[in-house]
Amino acid sequence: MKDAESLIEKSKLKDAQEIINVINSSNRDAFGRIIPKQYFREPIITLKEYEESLENMTFYIHRYEGSIIAVAALSVEAAETGRIRWVYVLPNHQKQGIGTALVSHIEAVARDMGLKKIRLVTDCNATWAIRFYKNRGYTQTSSIPNPWGFNIWMEKEI
């Protein structure tokens, strides 16, 4: 596989259903086992929600052999603060540097936009995600209770 960073591109409208499929299937695989059934939402994003999110979010994708295998999005929260959302890599393509490349790409885009800080939120039980972000320089800044535990806010100066 070519360098993962070189395969990242800004999504196009025609990618919508494939992006939604990657997010929903990856979310089911990762969070379906840690969020109690009564609170687990499936699908996590619908086509309508995706289309609405395009007003304030830019999606980036990674393709392999013509198919989207990874997704991440960036939104601007404040004058100097961005937020990473929807970081998902299909399970059979994980541990190959694709998630790291996506997050690095979004950080570079954010810097180019003049942002100084990136924030994100993940579930307290998503130990793999917390470890992934900590390994990339993110630190926990706060936590917010939810019915099964809490969500963790993390951020990084860029």
Foldseek 3Di string as FASTA:
>chain_A
DPDLLVQKDWDDPVCLVLLLVQLQVQCCVQVVVPDDPVPDDPRPDDSVRVVVCVVFKIKMFGDDPRGTFWIKIWGADDPQEIEIDRTGGHPVPPPPCNSVSVVVVVVVVSVVSVHFKYKYKDQPPSVVVVVVVVVVPWDWDDWADDPRGIMTMIMHTD
